Amino acid sequence: MSQDKATTVERLIAPSLSAAGFEIVRVVFLGGPSGTLQVMIERGDRRALSVDDCVEVSRTVSALLDVEDVIAGPYTLEVSSPGIDRPLTRPADFDRFAGFEAKLETRAPIDGRKRFRGRLLGLDGDRVRIVTPEGESLLPLNELQKAKLVLTDELIAATASPAH
């Protein structure tokens, strides 16, 4: 399943999940011919995601995919939380998690490197601001290949707050 298929699935399920109070963090297809469709979600009210929430979303997504028949062949549906050291997939994530440590990887080298680890400073237009030991960098959002929070004591403490 290509990224195009994952995008098609996301567009199909987003309205129903949004109406139920959930936000999609990421939709990806992992593996080969009988792979796994991973739907990573969080609650719109930022409360902790429960097993019952995942069951509800799984049933909704399964029903939508069965009706639309978007994926040919066998696959496993996995609905999960993004976790504490979550991926940063949406532009708003970089502002929401400003102040926390993150690891970012770009598609092509920027200033001679592709990997950056440091404290997020949020967005500046369509670029992510990050402070690393080498100084501040501005990374174009469209050049990011991977981005995720780093598990730190500070991040763990902040997860108790509904603001994140």
N, C-alpha and C. Protein backbone atom coordinates (compact mmCIF):
# COMPACT_ATOMS: atom_id res chain seq x y z
N MET A 1 0.85 -1.17 0.00
CA MET A 1 0.00 0.00 0.00
C MET A 1 0.89 1.23 0.00
N SER A 2 0.66 2.11 -0.88
CA SER A 2 1.49 3.29 -1.02
C SER A 2 1.04 4.39 -0.06
N GLN A 3 1.84 5.43 -0.03
CA GLN A 3 1.46 6.60 0.77
C GLN A 3 0.15 7.18 0.25
N ASP A 4 -0.08 7.06 -1.06
CA ASP A 4 -1.34 7.54 -1.64
C ASP A 4 -2.53 6.81 -1.02
N LYS A 5 -2.40 5.49 -0.84
CA LYS A 5 -3.48 4.71 -0.22
C LYS A 5 -3.69 5.14 1.23
N ALA A 6 -2.60 5.37 1.95
CA ALA A 6 -2.72 5.82 3.35
C ALA A 6 -3.44 7.17 3.40
N THR A 7 -3.14 8.04 2.46
CA THR A 7 -3.81 9.33 2.38
C THR A 7 -5.29 9.16 2.07
N THR A 8 -5.60 8.22 1.18
CA THR A 8 -7.00 7.93 0.84
C THR A 8 -7.74 7.42 2.06
N VAL A 9 -7.12 6.52 2.81
CA VAL A 9 -7.74 5.99 4.03
C VAL A 9 -7.96 7.12 5.03
N GLU A 10 -6.96 7.98 5.20
CA GLU A 10 -7.09 9.08 6.17
C GLU A 10 -8.24 10.00 5.79
N ARG A 11 -8.35 10.34 4.52
CA ARG A 11 -9.45 11.21 4.08
C ARG A 11 -10.81 10.55 4.30
N LEU A 12 -10.86 9.25 4.12
CA LEU A 12 -12.11 8.51 4.30
C LEU A 12 -12.56 8.48 5.76
N ILE A 13 -11.64 8.24 6.67
CA ILE A 13 -12.00 8.04 8.07
C ILE A 13 -12.01 9.31 8.91
N ALA A 14 -11.31 10.36 8.47
CA ALA A 14 -11.17 11.58 9.28
C ALA A 14 -12.49 12.21 9.69
N PRO A 15 -13.47 12.38 8.78
CA PRO A 15 -14.72 13.02 9.21
C PRO A 15 -15.44 12.26 10.32
N SER A 16 -15.51 10.93 10.21
CA SER A 16 -16.19 10.13 11.23
C SER A 16 -15.46 10.18 12.56
N LEU A 17 -14.14 10.10 12.51
CA LEU A 17 -13.37 10.13 13.76
C LEU A 17 -13.44 11.51 14.41
N SER A 18 -13.39 12.54 13.61
CA SER A 18 -13.51 13.90 14.14
C SER A 18 -14.88 14.09 14.81
N ALA A 19 -15.93 13.60 14.18
CA ALA A 19 -17.28 13.71 14.75
C ALA A 19 -17.38 12.96 16.08
N ALA A 20 -16.57 11.92 16.24
CA ALA A 20 -16.58 11.13 17.47
C ALA A 20 -15.62 11.70 18.53
N GLY A 21 -14.92 12.80 18.19
CA GLY A 21 -14.03 13.43 19.17
C GLY A 21 -12.59 12.99 19.12
N PHE A 22 -12.16 12.42 17.99
CA PHE A 22 -10.78 11.95 17.86
C PHE A 22 -10.06 12.70 16.75
N GLU A 23 -8.73 12.81 16.88
CA GLU A 23 -7.89 13.39 15.85
C GLU A 23 -6.93 12.33 15.35
N ILE A 24 -6.68 12.33 14.06
CA ILE A 24 -5.72 11.40 13.48
C ILE A 24 -4.33 12.00 13.59
N VAL A 25 -3.41 11.25 14.16
CA VAL A 25 -2.02 11.66 14.26
C VAL A 25 -1.28 11.18 13.02
N ARG A 26 -1.54 9.92 12.62
CA ARG A 26 -0.84 9.35 11.48
C ARG A 26 -1.57 8.11 10.99
N VAL A 27 -1.57 7.90 9.68
CA VAL A 27 -2.04 6.67 9.06
C VAL A 27 -0.91 6.15 8.19
N VAL A 28 -0.46 4.92 8.46
CA VAL A 28 0.61 4.31 7.64
C VAL A 28 0.30 2.84 7.44
N PHE A 29 0.87 2.30 6.39
CA PHE A 29 0.76 0.87 6.14
C PHE A 29 2.15 0.28 6.30
N LEU A 30 2.29 -0.69 7.20
CA LEU A 30 3.57 -1.31 7.50
C LEU A 30 3.60 -2.74 7.00
N GLY A 31 4.69 -3.15 6.41
CA GLY A 31 4.84 -4.54 6.04
C GLY A 31 4.52 -4.84 4.59
N GLY A 32 4.51 -6.13 4.31
CA GLY A 32 4.36 -6.62 2.96
C GLY A 32 2.93 -6.89 2.55
N PRO A 33 2.72 -8.00 1.82
CA PRO A 33 1.41 -8.29 1.23
C PRO A 33 0.26 -8.38 2.24
N SER A 34 0.51 -8.94 3.40
CA SER A 34 -0.54 -8.96 4.43
C SER A 34 -0.06 -8.12 5.60
N GLY A 35 0.10 -6.84 5.35
CA GLY A 35 0.70 -5.92 6.31
C GLY A 35 -0.27 -5.40 7.35
N THR A 36 0.15 -4.35 8.01
CA THR A 36 -0.62 -3.73 9.07
C THR A 36 -0.96 -2.29 8.70
N LEU A 37 -2.23 -1.96 8.79
CA LEU A 37 -2.67 -0.58 8.63
C LEU A 37 -2.69 0.02 10.02
N GLN A 38 -1.80 0.98 10.26
CA GLN A 38 -1.70 1.61 11.58
C GLN A 38 -2.40 2.96 11.55
N VAL A 39 -3.38 3.11 12.44
CA VAL A 39 -4.09 4.38 12.60
C VAL A 39 -3.77 4.87 14.00
N MET A 40 -2.99 5.94 14.06
CA MET A 40 -2.58 6.51 15.34
C MET A 40 -3.50 7.70 15.62
N ILE A 41 -4.13 7.69 16.79
CA ILE A 41 -5.12 8.71 17.13
C ILE A 41 -4.86 9.31 18.50
N GLU A 42 -5.51 10.45 18.74
CA GLU A 42 -5.56 11.02 20.07
C GLU A 42 -6.94 11.64 20.27
N ARG A 43 -7.30 11.85 21.49
CA ARG A 43 -8.59 12.46 21.79
C ARG A 43 -8.51 13.96 21.51
N GLY A 44 -9.57 14.51 20.97
CA GLY A 44 -9.63 15.94 20.71
C GLY A 44 -9.57 16.78 21.97
N ASP A 45 -10.05 16.22 23.09
CA ASP A 45 -10.02 16.95 24.36
C ASP A 45 -8.70 16.76 25.11
N ARG A 46 -7.75 16.06 24.51
CA ARG A 46 -6.39 15.83 25.03
C ARG A 46 -6.36 14.95 26.27
N ARG A 47 -7.48 14.33 26.64
CA ARG A 47 -7.45 13.37 27.75
C ARG A 47 -6.75 12.10 27.27
N ALA A 48 -6.34 11.28 28.22
CA ALA A 48 -5.65 10.03 27.89
C ALA A 48 -6.56 9.12 27.06
N LEU A 49 -5.98 8.49 26.09
CA LEU A 49 -6.70 7.55 25.23
C LEU A 49 -6.88 6.23 25.98
N SER A 50 -8.09 5.68 25.96
CA SER A 50 -8.35 4.42 26.66
C SER A 50 -8.44 3.27 25.66
N VAL A 51 -8.43 2.06 26.18
CA VAL A 51 -8.62 0.88 25.34
C VAL A 51 -10.00 0.94 24.68
N ASP A 52 -11.01 1.40 25.44
CA ASP A 52 -12.35 1.53 24.87
C ASP A 52 -12.38 2.51 23.70
N ASP A 53 -11.60 3.60 23.80
CA ASP A 53 -11.50 4.55 22.69
C ASP A 53 -10.94 3.86 21.44
N CYS A 54 -9.89 3.07 21.64
CA CYS A 54 -9.27 2.36 20.51
C CYS A 54 -10.24 1.35 19.90
N VAL A 55 -11.00 0.67 20.74
CA VAL A 55 -12.00 -0.29 20.25
C VAL A 55 -13.06 0.45 19.43
N GLU A 56 -13.54 1.58 19.94
CA GLU A 56 -14.55 2.36 19.23
C GLU A 56 -14.03 2.80 17.86
N VAL A 57 -12.81 3.32 17.82
CA VAL A 57 -12.22 3.78 16.56
C VAL A 57 -11.98 2.60 15.62
N SER A 58 -11.53 1.49 16.16
CA SER A 58 -11.29 0.31 15.33
C SER A 58 -12.57 -0.15 14.64
N ARG A 59 -13.67 -0.17 15.39
CA ARG A 59 -14.96 -0.58 14.80
C ARG A 59 -15.40 0.39 13.72
N THR A 60 -15.24 1.67 13.98
CA THR A 60 -15.63 2.70 13.01
C THR A 60 -14.80 2.59 11.74
N VAL A 61 -13.48 2.49 11.91
CA VAL A 61 -12.58 2.40 10.75
C VAL A 61 -12.85 1.12 9.97
N SER A 62 -13.01 0.00 10.66
CA SER A 62 -13.29 -1.28 9.98
C SER A 62 -14.55 -1.19 9.13
N ALA A 63 -15.60 -0.61 9.71
CA ALA A 63 -16.87 -0.49 8.98
C ALA A 63 -16.70 0.38 7.74
N LEU A 64 -16.00 1.50 7.87
CA LEU A 64 -15.79 2.39 6.74
C LEU A 64 -14.95 1.71 5.65
N LEU A 65 -13.91 1.02 6.05
CA LEU A 65 -13.04 0.35 5.07
C LEU A 65 -13.75 -0.81 4.40
N ASP A 66 -14.61 -1.52 5.13
CA ASP A 66 -15.38 -2.62 4.54
C ASP A 66 -16.34 -2.11 3.47
N VAL A 67 -17.00 -0.99 3.74
CA VAL A 67 -17.96 -0.42 2.79
C VAL A 67 -17.25 0.12 1.56
N GLU A 68 -16.16 0.85 1.77
CA GLU A 68 -15.46 1.50 0.65
C GLU A 68 -14.49 0.57 -0.07
N ASP A 69 -14.07 -0.52 0.58
CA ASP A 69 -13.16 -1.50 -0.02
C ASP A 69 -11.92 -0.83 -0.61
N VAL A 70 -11.27 0.01 0.20
CA VAL A 70 -10.10 0.77 -0.24
C VAL A 70 -8.85 -0.09 -0.33
N ILE A 71 -8.75 -1.10 0.53
CA ILE A 71 -7.55 -1.94 0.59
C ILE A 71 -7.87 -3.33 0.06
N ALA A 72 -7.17 -3.71 -0.99
CA ALA A 72 -7.35 -5.05 -1.55
C ALA A 72 -6.49 -6.04 -0.79
N GLY A 73 -7.03 -7.19 -0.49
CA GLY A 73 -6.25 -8.24 0.18
C GLY A 73 -6.28 -8.13 1.69
N PRO A 74 -5.64 -9.09 2.33
CA PRO A 74 -5.65 -9.15 3.80
C PRO A 74 -4.74 -8.10 4.43
N TYR A 75 -5.14 -7.61 5.58
CA TYR A 75 -4.33 -6.68 6.36
C TYR A 75 -4.83 -6.73 7.80
N THR A 76 -4.01 -6.25 8.71
CA THR A 76 -4.37 -6.14 10.10
C THR A 76 -4.54 -4.66 10.42
N LEU A 77 -5.63 -4.31 11.07
CA LEU A 77 -5.86 -2.93 11.48
C LEU A 77 -5.36 -2.77 12.91
N GLU A 78 -4.52 -1.77 13.12
CA GLU A 78 -3.98 -1.47 14.44
C GLU A 78 -4.32 -0.02 14.77
N VAL A 79 -5.09 0.18 15.82
CA VAL A 79 -5.43 1.52 16.28
C VAL A 79 -4.68 1.75 17.58
N SER A 80 -3.92 2.85 17.63
CA SER A 80 -3.09 3.07 18.82
C SER A 80 -2.96 4.55 19.15
N SER A 81 -2.44 4.76 20.34
CA SER A 81 -2.09 6.09 20.83
C SER A 81 -0.73 6.45 20.25
N PRO A 82 -0.41 7.74 20.13
CA PRO A 82 0.92 8.10 19.66
C PRO A 82 2.01 7.88 20.71
N GLY A 83 1.62 7.67 21.96
CA GLY A 83 2.59 7.46 23.02
C GLY A 83 3.21 8.77 23.49
N ILE A 84 4.03 8.67 24.51
CA ILE A 84 4.65 9.87 25.08
C ILE A 84 5.69 10.45 24.12
N ASP A 85 6.55 9.58 23.58
CA ASP A 85 7.58 10.05 22.65
C ASP A 85 7.04 9.98 21.22
N ARG A 86 5.97 10.64 21.02
CA ARG A 86 5.13 10.60 19.83
C ARG A 86 5.80 11.17 18.59
N PRO A 87 5.33 10.71 17.44
CA PRO A 87 5.77 11.35 16.20
C PRO A 87 5.10 12.72 16.07
N LEU A 88 5.79 13.62 15.43
CA LEU A 88 5.26 14.95 15.15
C LEU A 88 4.91 14.95 13.67
N THR A 89 3.62 14.93 13.36
CA THR A 89 3.18 14.72 11.98
C THR A 89 2.42 15.89 11.38
N ARG A 90 1.91 16.76 12.24
CA ARG A 90 1.10 17.89 11.76
C ARG A 90 1.81 19.20 12.11
N PRO A 91 1.66 20.23 11.29
CA PRO A 91 2.33 21.50 11.61
C PRO A 91 2.03 21.98 13.03
N ALA A 92 0.79 21.85 13.48
CA ALA A 92 0.43 22.32 14.83
C ALA A 92 1.21 21.60 15.93
N ASP A 93 1.67 20.37 15.67
CA ASP A 93 2.43 19.63 16.67
C ASP A 93 3.71 20.36 17.08
N PHE A 94 4.33 21.07 16.13
CA PHE A 94 5.60 21.73 16.42
C PHE A 94 5.42 22.93 17.34
N ASP A 95 4.27 23.59 17.27
CA ASP A 95 3.96 24.66 18.21
C ASP A 95 3.48 24.08 19.53
N ARG A 96 2.63 23.07 19.45
CA ARG A 96 2.06 22.45 20.65
C ARG A 96 3.15 21.89 21.57
N PHE A 97 4.20 21.33 20.98
CA PHE A 97 5.26 20.71 21.78
C PHE A 97 6.53 21.55 21.83
N ALA A 98 6.41 22.85 21.53
CA ALA A 98 7.56 23.76 21.67
C ALA A 98 8.05 23.71 23.11
N GLY A 99 9.36 23.71 23.27
CA GLY A 99 9.96 23.64 24.59
C GLY A 99 10.43 22.25 24.95
N PHE A 100 9.98 21.24 24.21
CA PHE A 100 10.40 19.86 24.47
C PHE A 100 11.50 19.44 23.51
N GLU A 101 12.24 18.43 23.92
CA GLU A 101 13.31 17.90 23.08
C GLU A 101 12.72 17.01 21.98
N ALA A 102 13.30 17.12 20.79
CA ALA A 102 12.83 16.33 19.65
C ALA A 102 14.00 15.90 18.78
N LYS A 103 13.75 14.86 17.99
CA LYS A 103 14.69 14.41 16.97
C LYS A 103 14.01 14.62 15.62
N LEU A 104 14.67 15.31 14.72
CA LEU A 104 14.14 15.57 13.39
C LEU A 104 15.13 15.06 12.36
N GLU A 105 14.60 14.52 11.27
CA GLU A 105 15.44 14.05 10.18
C GLU A 105 14.88 14.61 8.87
N THR A 106 15.78 15.18 8.08
CA THR A 106 15.37 15.76 6.80
C THR A 106 15.67 14.80 5.65
N ARG A 107 14.98 15.02 4.52
CA ARG A 107 15.19 14.20 3.34
C ARG A 107 16.58 14.42 2.74
N ALA A 108 17.00 15.66 2.69
CA ALA A 108 18.29 16.04 2.14
C ALA A 108 19.05 16.84 3.19
N PRO A 109 20.37 16.84 3.11
CA PRO A 109 21.15 17.59 4.11
C PRO A 109 20.82 19.09 4.11
N ILE A 110 20.77 19.64 5.30
CA ILE A 110 20.61 21.08 5.50
C ILE A 110 21.79 21.51 6.35
N ASP A 111 22.55 22.45 5.87
CA ASP A 111 23.78 22.87 6.54
C ASP A 111 24.69 21.66 6.80
N GLY A 112 24.73 20.73 5.84
CA GLY A 112 25.63 19.60 5.91
C GLY A 112 25.17 18.43 6.75
N ARG A 113 23.93 18.44 7.23
CA ARG A 113 23.47 17.29 8.03
C ARG A 113 21.98 17.05 7.83
N LYS A 114 21.58 15.83 8.15
CA LYS A 114 20.17 15.43 8.00
C LYS A 114 19.49 15.20 9.35
N ARG A 115 20.25 15.00 10.40
CA ARG A 115 19.68 14.69 11.71
C ARG A 115 19.92 15.85 12.68
N PHE A 116 18.84 16.21 13.38
CA PHE A 116 18.89 17.31 14.33
C PHE A 116 18.20 16.86 15.62
N ARG A 117 18.86 17.11 16.73
CA ARG A 117 18.27 16.80 18.03
C ARG A 117 18.44 18.02 18.92
N GLY A 118 17.31 18.48 19.47
CA GLY A 118 17.38 19.65 20.33
C GLY A 118 16.00 20.06 20.80
N ARG A 119 15.92 21.28 21.32
CA ARG A 119 14.67 21.79 21.87
C ARG A 119 13.87 22.50 20.78
N LEU A 120 12.61 22.06 20.62
CA LEU A 120 11.73 22.70 19.64
C LEU A 120 11.40 24.12 20.08
N LEU A 121 11.37 25.02 19.12
CA LEU A 121 10.98 26.41 19.39
C LEU A 121 9.68 26.76 18.67
N GLY A 122 9.08 25.79 18.00
CA GLY A 122 7.82 26.04 17.29
C GLY A 122 8.06 26.32 15.82
N LEU A 123 7.03 26.86 15.19
CA LEU A 123 7.09 27.15 13.75
C LEU A 123 7.40 28.61 13.49
N ASP A 124 8.09 28.83 12.41
CA ASP A 124 8.30 30.17 11.86
C ASP A 124 7.83 30.08 10.42
N GLY A 125 6.56 30.37 10.20
CA GLY A 125 5.97 30.18 8.87
C GLY A 125 5.88 28.71 8.55
N ASP A 126 6.57 28.28 7.50
CA ASP A 126 6.55 26.86 7.11
C ASP A 126 7.86 26.17 7.46
N ARG A 127 8.55 26.73 8.46
CA ARG A 127 9.81 26.13 8.91
C ARG A 127 9.76 25.85 10.41
N VAL A 128 10.39 24.75 10.81
CA VAL A 128 10.47 24.36 12.21
C VAL A 128 11.74 24.96 12.81
N ARG A 129 11.59 25.61 13.95
CA ARG A 129 12.74 26.15 14.67
C ARG A 129 13.16 25.15 15.73
N ILE A 130 14.44 24.85 15.76
CA ILE A 130 14.98 23.93 16.76
C ILE A 130 16.36 24.43 17.19
N VAL A 131 16.63 24.34 18.51
CA VAL A 131 17.93 24.72 19.03
C VAL A 131 18.68 23.44 19.38
N THR A 132 19.83 23.27 18.76
CA THR A 132 20.70 22.12 19.00
C THR A 132 21.97 22.64 19.68
N PRO A 133 22.84 21.76 20.14
CA PRO A 133 24.11 22.23 20.71
C PRO A 133 24.91 23.12 19.74
N GLU A 134 24.68 22.94 18.43
CA GLU A 134 25.40 23.73 17.43
C GLU A 134 24.76 25.10 17.18
N GLY A 135 23.56 25.32 17.71
CA GLY A 135 22.86 26.59 17.51
C GLY A 135 21.46 26.36 16.97
N GLU A 136 20.79 27.46 16.60
CA GLU A 136 19.41 27.37 16.10
C GLU A 136 19.41 27.03 14.62
N SER A 137 18.45 26.16 14.24
CA SER A 137 18.26 25.80 12.84
C SER A 137 16.80 26.01 12.45
N LEU A 138 16.59 26.35 11.19
CA LEU A 138 15.26 26.46 10.62
C LEU A 138 15.15 25.38 9.55
N LEU A 139 14.21 24.45 9.76
CA LEU A 139 14.06 23.32 8.85
C LEU A 139 12.72 23.40 8.14
N PRO A 140 12.71 23.40 6.81
CA PRO A 140 11.44 23.45 6.08
C PRO A 140 10.57 22.23 6.40
N LEU A 141 9.31 22.47 6.74
CA LEU A 141 8.38 21.38 7.05
C LEU A 141 8.34 20.34 5.94
N ASN A 142 8.32 20.79 4.69
CA ASN A 142 8.20 19.85 3.57
C ASN A 142 9.47 19.03 3.35
N GLU A 143 10.55 19.34 4.06
CA GLU A 143 11.78 18.56 3.95
C GLU A 143 11.94 17.54 5.08
N LEU A 144 11.02 17.58 6.06
CA LEU A 144 11.13 16.64 7.18
C LEU A 144 10.70 15.24 6.74
N GLN A 145 11.55 14.29 7.03
CA GLN A 145 11.24 12.88 6.75
C GLN A 145 10.69 12.21 7.99
N LYS A 146 11.28 12.53 9.15
CA LYS A 146 10.84 11.99 10.43
C LYS A 146 10.96 13.09 11.48
N ALA A 147 10.04 13.04 12.44
CA ALA A 147 10.11 13.96 13.57
C ALA A 147 9.40 13.31 14.74
N LYS A 148 10.06 13.31 15.89
CA LYS A 148 9.42 12.74 17.07
C LYS A 148 9.98 13.36 18.33
N LEU A 149 9.17 13.33 19.37
CA LEU A 149 9.62 13.81 20.67
C LEU A 149 10.59 12.80 21.27
N VAL A 150 11.48 13.30 22.11
CA VAL A 150 12.43 12.45 22.83
C VAL A 150 11.87 12.25 24.24
N LEU A 151 11.89 11.01 24.70
CA LEU A 151 11.38 10.68 26.04
C LEU A 151 12.34 11.26 27.09
N THR A 152 11.86 12.25 27.82
CA THR A 152 12.63 12.89 28.89
C THR A 152 11.76 12.97 30.14
N ASP A 153 12.38 13.20 31.28
CA ASP A 153 11.61 13.37 32.52
C ASP A 153 10.64 14.54 32.39
N GLU A 154 11.09 15.60 31.73
CA GLU A 154 10.25 16.80 31.53
C GLU A 154 9.00 16.45 30.72
N LEU A 155 9.17 15.65 29.68
CA LEU A 155 8.04 15.26 28.84
C LEU A 155 7.08 14.36 29.62
N ILE A 156 7.63 13.42 30.37
CA ILE A 156 6.79 12.53 31.18
C ILE A 156 5.95 13.34 32.17
N ALA A 157 6.58 14.31 32.83
CA ALA A 157 5.86 15.14 33.80
C ALA A 157 4.76 15.94 33.11
N ALA A 158 5.01 16.41 31.90
CA ALA A 158 4.04 17.24 31.20
C ALA A 158 2.85 16.43 30.68
N THR A 159 3.00 15.12 30.52
CA THR A 159 1.89 14.32 29.99
C THR A 159 0.74 14.23 30.98
N ALA A 160 1.00 14.58 32.23
CA ALA A 160 -0.08 14.58 33.23
C ALA A 160 -1.02 15.78 33.00
N SER A 161 -0.55 16.76 32.23
CA SER A 161 -1.34 17.95 31.95
C SER A 161 -2.16 17.75 30.68
N PRO A 162 -3.47 18.09 30.69
CA PRO A 162 -4.30 17.91 29.49
C PRO A 162 -3.94 18.86 28.36
N ALA A 163 -3.05 19.84 28.58
CA ALA A 163 -2.69 20.79 27.53
C ALA A 163 -1.88 20.12 26.41
N HIS A 164 -1.24 19.00 26.69
CA HIS A 164 -0.44 18.32 25.68
C HIS A 164 -1.11 17.03 25.35
